[in-house]
Protein backbone atom coordinates (compact mmCIF):
# COMPACT_ATOMS: atom_id res chain seq x y z
CA MET A 1 0.00 0.00 0.00
CA SER A 2 1.44 3.39 -0.97
CA GLU A 3 2.11 6.06 1.63
CA VAL A 4 -0.73 8.19 0.22
CA LEU A 5 -3.18 5.36 0.72
CA HIS A 6 -1.92 5.08 4.29
CA ILE A 7 -2.51 8.80 4.67
CA GLU A 8 -6.03 8.52 3.26
CA ALA A 9 -6.70 5.59 5.59
CA GLY A 10 -5.50 7.79 8.46
CA ILE A 11 -8.04 10.44 7.53
CA LEU A 12 -10.80 7.87 7.46
CA ASP A 13 -9.68 6.47 10.81
CA ASP A 14 -9.43 9.65 12.84
CA GLY A 15 -11.25 12.20 10.69
CA ALA A 16 -8.41 14.73 10.95
CA PHE A 17 -7.22 16.38 7.75
CA MET A 18 -3.57 17.36 7.55
CA ASN A 19 -2.64 15.75 10.82
CA GLU A 20 0.97 15.57 12.01
CA ARG A 21 1.65 12.33 10.13
CA GLN A 22 0.41 13.84 6.87
CA ARG A 23 2.35 17.08 7.38
CA ASP A 24 5.46 15.02 8.05
CA TYR A 25 4.91 12.97 4.88
CA PHE A 26 4.55 16.08 2.71
CA ARG A 27 7.45 17.86 4.45
CA LYS A 28 9.73 14.91 3.63
CA LYS A 29 8.41 14.73 0.06
CA LEU A 30 9.01 18.45 -0.51
CA LEU A 31 12.49 18.38 1.06
CA ALA A 32 13.49 15.37 -1.07
CA TRP A 33 12.21 17.12 -4.21
CA LYS A 34 14.14 20.27 -3.34
CA ALA A 35 17.33 18.28 -2.66
CA GLU A 36 17.00 16.54 -6.04
CA ILE A 37 16.57 19.86 -7.85
CA LEU A 38 19.59 21.33 -6.08
CA ARG A 39 21.68 18.25 -6.92
CA GLU A 40 20.70 18.49 -10.60
CA SER A 41 21.50 22.21 -10.60
CA ARG A 42 24.96 21.59 -9.18
CA GLU A 43 25.57 18.93 -11.84
CA THR A 44 24.47 21.32 -14.57
CA LEU A 45 26.69 24.11 -13.29
CA ASP A 46 29.64 21.72 -13.05
CA ALA A 47 29.01 20.50 -16.59
CA LEU A 48 28.73 24.05 -17.91
CA ALA A 49 31.90 25.10 -16.11
CA ASN A 50 33.83 22.09 -17.43
CA ASP A 51 32.48 22.45 -20.95
CA ASN A 52 34.90 25.07 -22.13
CA SER A 53 35.42 23.39 -25.47
CA ASN A 54 36.40 25.78 -28.18
CA LEU A 55 34.50 24.41 -31.14
CA ALA A 56 35.86 25.49 -34.51
CA ASP A 57 32.79 24.56 -36.51
CA LEU A 58 30.12 27.28 -36.37
CA ALA A 59 27.27 24.76 -36.47
CA ASP A 60 28.77 22.82 -33.55
CA ARG A 61 29.30 26.03 -31.60
CA ALA A 62 25.73 27.19 -32.27
CA SER A 63 24.36 23.82 -31.23
CA SER A 64 26.43 23.90 -28.05
CA GLU A 65 25.23 27.42 -27.22
CA THR A 66 21.62 26.41 -27.84
CA ASP A 67 22.01 23.43 -25.52
CA ARG A 68 23.49 25.69 -22.84
CA ALA A 69 20.64 28.20 -23.20
CA ILE A 70 18.03 25.44 -22.88
CA GLU A 71 19.78 24.07 -19.78
CA LEU A 72 19.92 27.52 -18.20
CA ARG A 73 16.21 28.14 -18.90
CA ALA A 74 15.38 24.78 -17.31
CA ARG A 75 17.46 25.71 -14.25
CA ASP A 76 15.65 29.05 -14.02
CA ARG A 77 12.31 27.23 -14.00
CA GLN A 78 13.65 24.96 -11.29
CA ARG A 79 14.81 27.98 -9.27
CA LYS A 80 11.22 29.24 -9.37
CA LEU A 81 10.02 25.77 -8.38
CA ILE A 82 12.31 25.84 -5.34
CA SER A 83 10.64 29.05 -4.18
CA LYS A 84 7.25 27.33 -4.51
CA ILE A 85 8.57 24.35 -2.53
CA ASP A 86 9.86 26.73 0.16
CA ALA A 87 6.44 28.43 0.26
CA ALA A 88 4.75 25.03 0.67
CA LEU A 89 7.13 24.16 3.52
CA GLU A 90 6.22 27.48 5.19
CA ARG A 91 2.52 26.63 4.82
CA ILE A 92 3.17 23.28 6.51
CA GLU A 93 4.75 25.13 9.43
CA ASP A 94 1.99 27.74 9.74
CA GLY A 95 -0.81 25.17 9.40
CA SER A 96 -2.28 26.43 6.11
CA TYR A 97 -0.81 23.65 3.94
CA GLY A 98 -3.36 21.48 2.18
CA TYR A 99 -6.11 24.07 2.20
CA CYS A 100 -7.24 25.89 -0.94
CA GLU A 101 -6.14 29.53 -0.88
CA GLU A 102 -9.31 30.50 -2.75
CA THR A 103 -12.03 28.51 -0.95
CA GLY A 104 -10.38 27.42 2.30
CA GLU A 105 -11.52 23.86 1.61
CA PRO A 106 -9.10 20.92 1.91
CA ILE A 107 -7.15 20.03 -1.23
CA SER A 108 -7.45 16.31 -1.97
CA LEU A 109 -4.54 14.19 -0.76
CA LYS A 110 -4.24 12.64 -4.21
CA ARG A 111 -3.76 16.11 -5.72
CA LEU A 112 -1.23 17.05 -3.06
CA ASP A 113 0.65 13.81 -3.58
CA ALA A 114 0.79 14.45 -7.34
CA ARG A 115 1.56 18.17 -6.95
CA PRO A 116 2.71 18.90 -3.40
CA ILE A 117 3.09 22.62 -4.13
CA ALA A 118 -0.61 22.97 -5.04
CA THR A 119 -2.29 25.96 -3.43
CA MET A 120 -5.78 25.42 -4.84
CA SER A 121 -8.21 22.56 -5.05
CA LEU A 122 -8.62 21.06 -8.49
CA GLU A 123 -11.98 22.80 -8.96
CA ALA A 124 -10.62 26.21 -7.92
CA GLN A 125 -7.57 25.73 -10.16
CA GLU A 126 -9.80 24.90 -13.13
CA ARG A 127 -11.94 28.02 -12.49
CA HIS A 128 -8.77 30.10 -12.23
CA GLU A 129 -7.44 28.73 -15.53
CA ARG A 130 -10.78 29.33 -17.28
CA ARG A 131 -10.77 32.97 -16.08
CA GLU A 132 -7.17 33.40 -17.26
CA LYS A 133 -8.10 32.00 -20.68
CA VAL A 134 -11.06 34.36 -20.99
CA TYR A 135 -8.88 37.38 -20.19
CA ARG A 136 -6.12 36.17 -22.49
CA ASP A 137 -8.55 35.62 -25.38
CA GLU A 138 -10.09 39.11 -25.14
């Protein structure tokens, strides 16, 4: 049985949402995710620092520069993800983790397990995205 199913069973057993066991599970999940991102970032920076090849062929040089630019954009996205992970960890500490910032209702454990940085329930997120699309299309 997966840890999430254990968590869901815990909710059914004691009726408490986001109890200490669940907060601990998500804290560990978020910290492990953050550590993995930081490890990958260090590897990328090491690879970029060691890749000082002076390519004579213009096509090879352009390809290498494109690869570097893509890697750096990916790292920038991951930097933003780390700030979302840190925000989720803060919400765990202040007791607001797992509750929709729009409705105040609990976010499903399955959604949190799939996207532990979620700040809205699936329904609220879908409403938010529909509103964004309407404004974008105008």
